[in-house]
């Protein structure tokens, strides 16, 4: 009887250890974002620092849109351009009209607010701006 109790305790310890190690991995978050002229819906997203973020962008508009995540503290002064703003881009994903694009990235590890814009000409000026909040 003593051997079975010891084996049971060992199993319980191993099971808890496995659960604890599984909890140590990166958090996984999914975001669904609608894009159209000229907005993101929703326009604010919240993710844990360092999380593996899978984004599904659906462009229901009539023109191409972009989802461009920028460095913390950086704000685009319109017009957006790769020459001027390119060094501050963390993630850039294009979506053609009527299409859906799904991609995964690792969220920044520093908590705070990060600007997201549509880099297509005149879209920022028309209000196509969002915020990624990292906690």
Protein backbone atom coordinates (compact mmCIF):
# COMPACT_ATOMS: atom_id res chain seq x y z
CA UNK A 1 0.00 0.00 0.00
CA UNK A 2 2.83 2.33 0.85
CA UNK A 3 4.31 2.00 -2.67
CA UNK A 4 1.01 2.97 -4.32
CA UNK A 5 0.61 6.10 -2.17
CA UNK A 6 4.16 7.17 -2.98
CA UNK A 7 3.54 6.62 -6.70
CA UNK A 8 0.32 8.62 -6.50
CA UNK A 9 2.08 11.53 -4.77
CA UNK A 10 4.81 11.44 -7.40
CA UNK A 11 2.20 11.57 -10.15
CA UNK A 12 0.44 14.55 -8.50
CA UNK A 13 3.75 16.43 -8.18
CA UNK A 14 4.59 15.77 -11.84
CA UNK A 15 1.11 16.85 -12.95
CA UNK A 16 1.38 20.16 -11.07
CA UNK A 17 4.88 20.72 -12.45
CA UNK A 18 3.61 20.16 -16.00
CA UNK A 19 0.77 22.63 -15.47
CA UNK A 20 3.13 25.21 -14.00
CA UNK A 21 5.55 24.89 -16.92
CA UNK A 22 2.70 25.16 -19.41
CA UNK A 23 1.58 28.39 -17.78
CA UNK A 24 5.07 29.85 -18.23
CA UNK A 25 4.83 29.93 -22.04
CA UNK A 26 3.81 33.02 -23.97
CA UNK A 27 0.19 34.03 -23.80
CA UNK A 28 -1.74 33.72 -27.04
CA UNK A 29 -4.25 36.38 -28.08
CA UNK A 30 -6.49 36.64 -31.15
CA UNK A 31 -7.81 39.90 -32.54
CA UNK A 32 -10.47 40.33 -35.24
CA UNK A 33 -10.35 43.74 -36.87
CA UNK A 34 -12.64 45.13 -39.56
CA UNK A 35 -11.24 47.75 -41.92
CA UNK A 36 -13.17 50.06 -44.20
CA UNK A 37 -13.23 53.68 -45.32
CA UNK A 38 -11.79 55.12 -43.04
CA UNK A 39 -11.64 53.28 -39.76
CA UNK A 40 -10.61 50.22 -37.83
CA UNK A 41 -13.37 48.46 -35.87
CA UNK A 42 -12.64 48.28 -33.03
CA UNK A 43 -10.03 51.04 -32.96
CA UNK A 44 -8.38 50.01 -29.68
CA UNK A 45 -6.95 46.60 -28.80
CA UNK A 46 -5.41 45.35 -25.56
CA UNK A 47 -2.80 42.58 -25.36
CA UNK A 48 -0.40 41.26 -22.70
CA UNK A 49 3.27 42.25 -23.06
CA UNK A 50 5.19 39.69 -25.10
CA UNK A 51 2.05 37.79 -26.12
CA UNK A 52 1.80 35.86 -29.36
CA UNK A 53 -0.87 37.88 -31.18
CA UNK A 54 -2.80 36.48 -34.14
CA UNK A 55 -4.66 39.16 -36.07
CA UNK A 56 -7.44 38.59 -38.60
CA UNK A 57 -7.91 41.73 -40.69
CA UNK A 58 -11.04 41.90 -42.84
CA UNK A 59 -11.17 44.69 -45.39
CA UNK A 60 -14.81 45.34 -46.23
CA UNK A 61 -13.89 48.60 -47.94
CA UNK A 62 -13.50 49.33 -51.63
CA UNK A 63 -9.74 50.11 -51.54
CA UNK A 64 -6.62 48.52 -50.06
CA UNK A 65 -5.89 49.22 -46.38
CA UNK A 66 -2.88 48.66 -44.13
CA UNK A 67 -2.47 47.86 -40.43
CA UNK A 68 0.79 49.48 -39.40
CA UNK A 69 1.95 49.16 -35.77
CA UNK A 70 4.47 51.81 -34.76
CA UNK A 71 7.08 52.11 -32.01
CA UNK A 72 5.84 53.26 -28.62
CA UNK A 73 5.71 57.03 -28.39
CA UNK A 74 5.92 57.53 -32.16
CA UNK A 75 3.09 59.41 -33.84
CA UNK A 76 2.90 59.83 -37.60
CA UNK A 77 2.80 63.37 -38.88
CA UNK A 78 0.77 63.01 -42.10
CA UNK A 79 1.35 62.12 -44.78
CA UNK A 80 2.69 58.65 -43.94
CA UNK A 81 5.71 57.54 -45.93
CA UNK A 82 8.14 54.64 -45.68
CA UNK A 83 11.05 57.09 -46.04
CA UNK A 84 9.95 59.24 -43.09
CA UNK A 85 8.18 56.69 -40.87
CA UNK A 86 9.70 53.36 -41.93
CA UNK A 87 12.28 53.16 -39.11
CA UNK A 88 9.41 53.20 -36.57
CA UNK A 89 7.32 50.38 -38.08
CA UNK A 90 7.02 47.25 -35.93
CA UNK A 91 4.38 45.42 -38.02
CA UNK A 92 2.96 46.22 -41.46
CA UNK A 93 0.19 44.19 -43.11
CA UNK A 94 -1.65 45.10 -46.34
CA UNK A 95 -5.16 43.84 -47.10
CA UNK A 96 -6.76 44.20 -50.51
CA UNK A 97 -10.41 45.29 -50.78
CA UNK A 98 -12.81 42.46 -49.99
CA UNK A 99 -10.05 40.24 -48.59
CA UNK A 100 -9.07 38.89 -45.17
CA UNK A 101 -5.46 38.53 -44.04
CA UNK A 102 -4.36 36.63 -40.94
CA UNK A 103 -0.89 37.00 -39.45
CA UNK A 104 0.90 36.52 -36.13
CA UNK A 105 3.41 38.74 -34.34
CA UNK A 106 4.91 39.04 -30.89
CA UNK A 107 3.54 41.99 -28.89
CA UNK A 108 6.07 44.48 -27.58
CA UNK A 109 7.44 43.64 -24.14
CA UNK A 110 7.19 47.22 -22.90
CA UNK A 111 3.76 48.21 -21.55
CA UNK A 112 2.12 51.29 -22.99
CA UNK A 113 0.18 52.63 -25.96
CA UNK A 114 1.29 52.07 -29.55
CA UNK A 115 -0.19 53.94 -32.50
CA UNK A 116 -1.64 51.92 -35.38
CA UNK A 117 -2.33 53.62 -38.71
CA UNK A 118 -3.40 52.84 -42.23
CA UNK A 119 -0.41 53.86 -44.33
CA UNK A 120 -2.38 54.29 -47.56
CA UNK A 121 -2.28 57.89 -48.83
CA UNK A 122 -4.81 60.17 -47.08
CA UNK A 123 -6.24 57.43 -44.82
CA UNK A 124 -4.63 58.79 -41.63
CA UNK A 125 -5.94 62.24 -42.51
CA UNK A 126 -9.43 60.75 -42.79
CA UNK A 127 -9.20 59.21 -39.31
CA UNK A 128 -7.90 55.69 -39.92
CA UNK A 129 -5.88 55.49 -36.70
CA UNK A 130 -6.02 53.03 -33.80
CA UNK A 131 -4.22 52.13 -30.59
CA UNK A 132 -2.64 48.91 -29.39
CA UNK A 133 -2.46 48.92 -25.59
CA UNK A 134 0.17 46.59 -24.15
CA UNK A 135 -0.30 45.61 -20.49
